[in-house]
Amino acid sequence: MLGSVLTAIVTPFRADGAIDFERFRELASFVVESGSDGIVVCGTTGESPTLTDAEKLDLFRVAVDEVGGRAAVIAGTGTYDTGHSAGLTREATVLGVDGILVVTPYYNKPPQRAIVRHFEEIAGATHLPVVAYNIPGRVVVNIESATIARLAEIENVVAVKQAFDDADQARFIAEETRLDLYCGDDPNTLAFLELGGVGVVSVTAHLWGAQISEMIHRYREGDIEGARALHEEQRPSYDLLQIQTNPIPIKAALNLTGHEVGGHRLPMVEPDENELAQIRSCLERAGLLATASA
């Protein structure tokens, strides 16, 4: 297992659109010191589609340098091109990351047997543990249960990040395969623990990492009511995610709380005034931001 709380870390940008590596270092250390067992670099939340290969490799390198040895560094190397993904995976492996996250190929809509071939090729490019990232809401295609069972036959595919709230499929992964089940949507973390999940690849752990870690700890210790109480306390963080497409809300929340991660590269944009007010309200309700004076 790569950890219980893995933060899908944002990519900070400067005003000119370049990556702010110093802010990235600071944020990586902050989330690790705040309850995360590892970070996922260049995932959806890291705006990976807008990053060049060179930028991704630089982020992997900096992450290993900053938190390697203290936390797991999981490199997001998946794209809709199998050969490209395998090549990036080889380079990330050389840099000393601890694991690889591979999303279902998007846009080209492969059949299930092609998904298996995709993962076979990428897993064959590394000795590291590989996490399959199933997020049909973004890539259109669901990795079906029978296909997940076939992925479990690949030696170094070790887990599924399941950003899909199908309880039956989540239970299948946890009970009928050898793969670790990670929740890929923060509001479902407790439900996934109840289904046999081992943890979460989290967006809200940027600011709620300690609470998430404690919730998982309490659940494992048998304090179900305590875990459920912490789940309820995190309602503002779940509401935050509903305001606009990720990572727009979490980046705004980080900026409002002083982490200065900058803006986005198109096609992501800044929140509008109404969205920003909602984000601020979530932070105020959570006690992370002082309520504005009347």
Protein backbone atom coordinates (compact mmCIF):
# COMPACT_ATOMS: atom_id res chain seq x y z
CA MET A 1 0.00 0.00 0.00
CA LEU A 2 1.30 3.43 -0.96
CA GLY A 3 -0.38 5.17 1.97
CA SER A 4 -3.85 6.03 3.22
CA VAL A 5 -4.02 9.71 2.28
CA LEU A 6 -2.47 10.68 -1.05
CA THR A 7 -2.92 14.31 -2.05
CA ALA A 8 -3.45 14.97 -5.75
CA ILE A 9 -1.33 18.10 -5.62
CA VAL A 10 -1.97 21.24 -7.65
CA THR A 11 0.67 22.75 -9.91
CA PRO A 12 1.43 26.35 -8.84
CA PHE A 13 1.90 28.85 -11.68
CA ARG A 14 3.49 32.27 -11.71
CA ALA A 15 1.78 35.27 -13.28
CA ASP A 16 3.54 34.58 -16.59
CA GLY A 17 2.20 31.02 -16.68
CA ALA A 18 5.49 29.32 -15.80
CA ILE A 19 5.53 26.69 -13.06
CA ASP A 20 6.45 28.11 -9.66
CA PHE A 21 8.70 25.34 -8.39
CA GLU A 22 9.45 27.09 -5.10
CA ARG A 23 5.76 27.26 -4.25
CA PHE A 24 5.42 23.64 -5.34
CA ARG A 25 8.14 22.66 -2.87
CA GLU A 26 6.47 24.59 -0.08
CA LEU A 27 3.06 23.08 -0.82
CA ALA A 28 4.43 19.54 -1.07
CA SER A 29 6.04 19.85 2.36
CA PHE A 30 2.92 21.45 3.80
CA VAL A 31 0.55 18.68 2.72
CA VAL A 32 2.94 15.96 3.91
CA GLU A 33 3.33 17.66 7.28
CA SER A 34 -0.46 18.05 7.46
CA GLY A 35 -1.41 14.37 7.28
CA SER A 36 -0.72 13.10 3.76
CA ASP A 37 1.26 9.90 3.28
CA GLY A 38 2.14 10.87 -0.26
CA ILE A 39 1.46 13.14 -3.19
CA VAL A 40 0.22 12.43 -6.70
CA VAL A 41 2.07 14.74 -9.07
CA CYS A 42 0.67 15.71 -12.51
CA GLY A 43 -2.76 14.22 -12.06
CA THR A 44 -6.06 15.86 -12.97
CA THR A 45 -5.69 18.32 -10.10
CA GLY A 46 -2.17 19.14 -11.26
CA GLU A 47 -3.53 20.25 -14.67
CA SER A 48 -1.47 17.58 -16.41
CA PRO A 49 -2.98 18.09 -19.90
CA THR A 50 -1.41 21.56 -20.05
CA LEU A 51 2.07 20.47 -18.93
CA THR A 52 4.88 19.49 -21.26
CA ASP A 53 6.82 16.27 -20.68
CA ALA A 54 9.83 18.32 -19.58
CA GLU A 55 7.71 20.16 -17.02
CA LYS A 56 6.25 16.92 -15.71
CA LEU A 57 9.69 15.40 -15.29
CA ASP A 58 10.90 18.53 -13.51
CA LEU A 59 7.92 18.32 -11.13
CA PHE A 60 8.64 14.64 -10.43
CA ARG A 61 12.30 15.48 -9.78
CA VAL A 62 11.48 18.35 -7.43
CA ALA A 63 8.87 16.28 -5.57
CA VAL A 64 11.36 13.47 -4.95
CA ASP A 65 13.95 15.98 -3.80
CA GLU A 66 11.54 17.76 -1.46
CA VAL A 67 9.52 14.97 0.16
CA GLY A 68 11.15 11.74 -1.01
CA GLY A 69 11.88 9.54 1.98
CA ARG A 70 9.19 11.33 4.00
CA ALA A 71 6.27 10.50 1.73
CA ALA A 72 5.43 8.55 -1.40
CA VAL A 73 5.72 10.38 -4.71
CA ILE A 74 3.29 9.02 -7.31
CA ALA A 75 3.91 10.21 -10.86
CA GLY A 76 0.94 10.76 -13.16
CA THR A 77 2.24 9.50 -16.50
CA GLY A 78 -0.96 8.37 -18.21
CA THR A 79 -2.12 9.93 -21.47
CA TYR A 80 -4.29 8.81 -24.40
CA ASP A 81 -1.15 7.59 -26.20
CA THR A 82 0.21 4.29 -24.89
CA GLY A 83 3.72 4.70 -26.30
CA HIS A 84 3.97 8.24 -24.97
CA SER A 85 2.78 7.09 -21.54
CA ALA A 86 5.24 4.21 -21.42
CA GLY A 87 8.12 6.50 -22.36
CA LEU A 88 7.19 9.04 -19.70
CA THR A 89 6.86 6.21 -17.19
CA ARG A 90 10.41 5.02 -17.93
CA GLU A 91 11.78 8.51 -17.39
CA ALA A 92 9.81 9.01 -14.17
CA THR A 93 11.10 5.69 -12.86
CA VAL A 94 14.70 6.80 -13.35
CA LEU A 95 13.99 9.94 -11.32
CA GLY A 96 13.19 7.89 -8.22
CA VAL A 97 9.44 8.23 -7.82
CA ASP A 98 7.67 5.61 -5.70
CA GLY A 99 4.75 4.75 -7.94
CA ILE A 100 2.94 5.48 -11.18
CA LEU A 101 -0.66 6.66 -11.72
CA VAL A 102 -2.15 5.80 -15.11
CA VAL A 103 -5.52 7.14 -16.21
CA THR A 104 -7.80 5.35 -18.65
CA PRO A 105 -6.99 6.61 -22.16
CA TYR A 106 -9.26 9.58 -22.81
CA TYR A 107 -10.81 10.98 -25.99
CA ASN A 108 -9.99 8.01 -28.23
CA LYS A 109 -12.48 5.79 -26.34
CA PRO A 110 -10.72 2.39 -26.48
CA PRO A 111 -12.57 -0.93 -26.06
CA GLN A 112 -12.01 -2.88 -22.87
CA ARG A 113 -9.42 -5.24 -24.38
CA ALA A 114 -7.42 -2.20 -25.52
CA ILE A 115 -7.42 -0.81 -21.98
CA VAL A 116 -5.76 -4.04 -20.82
CA ARG A 117 -3.11 -3.72 -23.54
CA HIS A 118 -2.54 -0.07 -22.59
CA PHE A 119 -1.83 -0.99 -18.97
CA GLU A 120 0.30 -3.98 -19.91
CA GLU A 121 2.59 -1.79 -22.00
CA ILE A 122 2.93 0.92 -19.36
CA ALA A 123 3.38 -1.50 -16.45
CA GLY A 124 6.05 -3.25 -18.51
CA ALA A 125 8.01 0.01 -18.71
CA THR A 126 8.66 0.11 -14.95
CA HIS A 127 9.30 -2.07 -11.92
CA LEU A 128 7.31 0.37 -9.77
CA PRO A 129 3.77 -0.15 -8.45
CA VAL A 130 1.14 1.11 -10.87
CA VAL A 131 -2.24 2.55 -9.85
CA ALA A 132 -5.04 2.39 -12.43
CA TYR A 133 -7.11 5.57 -12.43
CA ASN A 134 -10.75 4.93 -13.32
CA ILE A 135 -12.65 8.18 -13.86
CA PRO A 136 -15.42 7.67 -16.43
CA GLY A 137 -16.87 11.11 -15.76
CA ARG A 138 -13.84 12.66 -17.44
CA VAL A 139 -12.67 9.99 -19.90
CA VAL A 140 -16.12 8.65 -20.94
CA VAL A 141 -15.06 4.97 -20.67
CA ASN A 142 -15.51 2.98 -17.45
CA ILE A 143 -12.96 0.28 -16.72
CA GLU A 144 -15.45 -2.55 -16.30
CA SER A 145 -15.14 -5.03 -13.43
CA ALA A 146 -14.05 -7.88 -15.70
CA THR A 147 -11.34 -5.63 -17.10
CA ILE A 148 -10.19 -4.66 -13.63
CA ALA A 149 -9.87 -8.36 -12.85
CA ARG A 150 -7.59 -8.68 -15.89
CA LEU A 151 -5.53 -5.69 -14.76
CA ALA A 152 -5.04 -7.48 -11.42
CA GLU A 153 -3.18 -10.20 -13.36
CA ILE A 154 -0.47 -7.66 -14.27
CA GLU A 155 2.16 -8.15 -11.59
CA ASN A 156 2.94 -4.54 -10.71
CA VAL A 157 -0.57 -3.10 -11.06
CA VAL A 158 -1.35 -2.82 -7.36
CA ALA A 159 -4.36 -0.54 -6.92
CA VAL A 160 -7.29 1.30 -8.46
CA LYS A 161 -8.08 4.94 -7.89
CA GLN A 162 -11.84 4.69 -8.33
CA ALA A 163 -13.40 8.07 -9.11
CA PHE A 164 -16.75 6.43 -9.73
CA ASP A 165 -19.43 5.99 -7.08
CA ASP A 166 -20.66 2.55 -8.17
CA ALA A 167 -20.71 0.67 -4.85
CA ASP A 168 -20.90 -2.74 -6.49
CA GLN A 169 -17.80 -2.14 -8.57
CA ALA A 170 -15.90 -0.70 -5.60
CA ARG A 171 -16.82 -3.77 -3.54
CA PHE A 172 -15.71 -6.02 -6.40
CA ILE A 173 -12.28 -4.39 -6.48
CA ALA A 174 -11.84 -4.71 -2.73
CA GLU A 175 -13.24 -8.23 -2.32
CA GLU A 176 -12.73 -10.03 -5.61
CA THR A 177 -9.28 -8.81 -6.68
CA ARG A 178 -5.92 -8.43 -4.96
CA LEU A 179 -5.90 -4.70 -5.80
CA ASP A 180 -6.04 -1.94 -3.20
CA LEU A 181 -9.10 0.27 -3.58
CA TYR A 182 -8.55 4.01 -3.28
CA CYS A 183 -11.45 6.42 -3.30
CA GLY A 184 -11.02 9.07 -5.98
CA ASP A 185 -13.78 11.43 -4.79
CA ASP A 186 -13.39 12.93 -1.32
CA PRO A 187 -17.09 12.86 -0.33
CA ASN A 188 -17.14 9.07 -0.84
CA THR A 189 -14.08 8.26 1.30
CA LEU A 190 -15.98 6.93 4.31
CA ALA A 191 -18.33 4.90 2.11
CA PHE A 192 -15.35 3.36 0.33
CA LEU A 193 -13.73 2.45 3.65
CA GLU A 194 -16.94 0.61 4.49
CA LEU A 195 -16.65 -1.23 1.17
CA GLY A 196 -13.07 -2.31 1.87
CA GLY A 197 -11.07 0.66 0.59
CA VAL A 198 -7.62 1.41 1.94
CA GLY A 199 -7.65 5.18 1.57
CA VAL A 200 -8.18 8.16 -0.71
CA VAL A 201 -6.44 10.06 -3.45
CA SER A 202 -7.66 13.40 -2.23
CA VAL A 203 -8.13 16.95 -3.43
CA THR A 204 -9.36 18.37 -0.13
CA ALA A 205 -6.33 17.00 1.75
CA HIS A 206 -4.53 20.15 0.62
CA LEU A 207 -6.35 21.84 3.51
CA TRP A 208 -8.14 19.04 5.40
CA GLY A 209 -5.38 16.41 5.47
CA ALA A 210 -5.25 16.00 9.24
CA GLN A 211 -9.02 15.42 9.47
CA ILE A 212 -8.99 12.89 6.63
CA SER A 213 -6.09 11.00 8.16
CA GLU A 214 -7.79 10.93 11.55
CA MET A 215 -11.08 9.79 10.01
CA ILE A 216 -9.37 6.82 8.35
CA HIS A 217 -7.45 6.02 11.54
CA ARG A 218 -10.62 6.04 13.64
CA TYR A 219 -12.43 3.83 11.15
CA ARG A 220 -9.62 1.28 11.19
CA GLU A 221 -9.55 1.31 14.97
CA GLY A 222 -13.25 0.47 15.06
CA ASP A 223 -14.44 3.94 16.09
CA ILE A 224 -17.07 4.11 13.37
CA GLU A 225 -19.08 6.87 15.02
CA GLY A 226 -15.95 8.96 15.48
CA ALA A 227 -15.07 8.47 11.82
CA ARG A 228 -18.59 9.42 10.79
CA ALA A 229 -18.45 12.57 12.93
CA LEU A 230 -15.24 13.65 11.20
CA HIS A 231 -16.84 12.89 7.84
CA GLU A 232 -19.71 15.22 8.71
CA GLU A 233 -17.30 17.93 9.88
CA GLN A 234 -15.79 17.94 6.40
CA ARG A 235 -19.05 18.87 4.65
CA PRO A 236 -17.71 22.34 3.73
CA SER A 237 -14.82 20.70 1.89
CA TYR A 238 -17.19 18.48 -0.07
CA ASP A 239 -19.35 21.48 -0.94
CA LEU A 240 -16.23 23.27 -2.14
CA LEU A 241 -15.65 20.62 -4.79
CA GLN A 242 -19.14 21.12 -6.22
CA ILE A 243 -18.72 24.80 -6.99
CA GLN A 244 -16.78 24.45 -10.22
CA THR A 245 -14.60 21.98 -12.09
CA ASN A 246 -11.51 20.81 -10.20
CA PRO A 247 -8.91 22.28 -9.69
CA ILE A 248 -10.56 25.71 -9.92
CA PRO A 249 -12.08 25.63 -6.39
CA ILE A 250 -9.11 24.09 -4.56
CA LYS A 251 -6.63 26.48 -6.13
CA ALA A 252 -8.80 29.44 -5.14
CA ALA A 253 -9.13 28.02 -1.62
CA LEU A 254 -5.37 27.64 -1.34
CA ASN A 255 -4.83 31.21 -2.50
CA LEU A 256 -7.40 32.53 -0.03
CA THR A 257 -5.67 30.70 2.83
CA GLY A 258 -2.25 32.12 1.98
CA HIS A 259 -0.61 29.38 -0.06
CA GLU A 260 -0.32 31.49 -3.23
CA VAL A 261 -0.45 28.79 -5.91
CA GLY A 262 -1.40 31.23 -8.63
CA GLY A 263 -3.90 30.73 -11.40
CA HIS A 264 -4.39 28.32 -14.28
CA ARG A 265 -3.42 27.60 -17.82
CA LEU A 266 -6.25 27.66 -20.31
CA PRO A 267 -8.67 26.02 -20.71
CA MET A 268 -8.96 26.27 -16.92
CA VAL A 269 -9.94 29.74 -15.69
CA GLU A 270 -10.25 31.67 -12.44
CA PRO A 271 -13.51 31.46 -10.48
CA ASP A 272 -15.99 34.24 -11.14
CA GLU A 273 -17.21 36.52 -8.34
CA ASN A 274 -20.14 34.30 -7.39
CA GLU A 275 -17.98 31.16 -7.33
CA LEU A 276 -15.30 32.90 -5.29
CA ALA A 277 -17.92 33.98 -2.75
CA GLN A 278 -19.08 30.37 -2.43
CA ILE A 279 -15.51 29.16 -2.00
CA ARG A 280 -14.92 31.77 0.69
CA SER A 281 -18.12 30.68 2.44
CA CYS A 282 -16.97 27.04 2.53
CA LEU A 283 -13.66 28.07 4.09
CA GLU A 284 -15.41 30.27 6.65
CA ARG A 285 -17.77 27.43 7.62
CA ALA A 286 -14.78 25.16 8.07
CA GLY A 287 -12.99 27.69 10.26
CA LEU A 288 -10.13 28.06 7.76
CA LEU A 289 -10.91 31.68 6.95
CA ALA A 290 -12.16 34.47 9.18
CA THR A 291 -15.73 35.55 8.48
CA ALA A 292 -15.80 38.89 6.69
CA SER A 293 -16.95 41.83 8.81
CA ALA A 294 -20.48 43.03 8.25
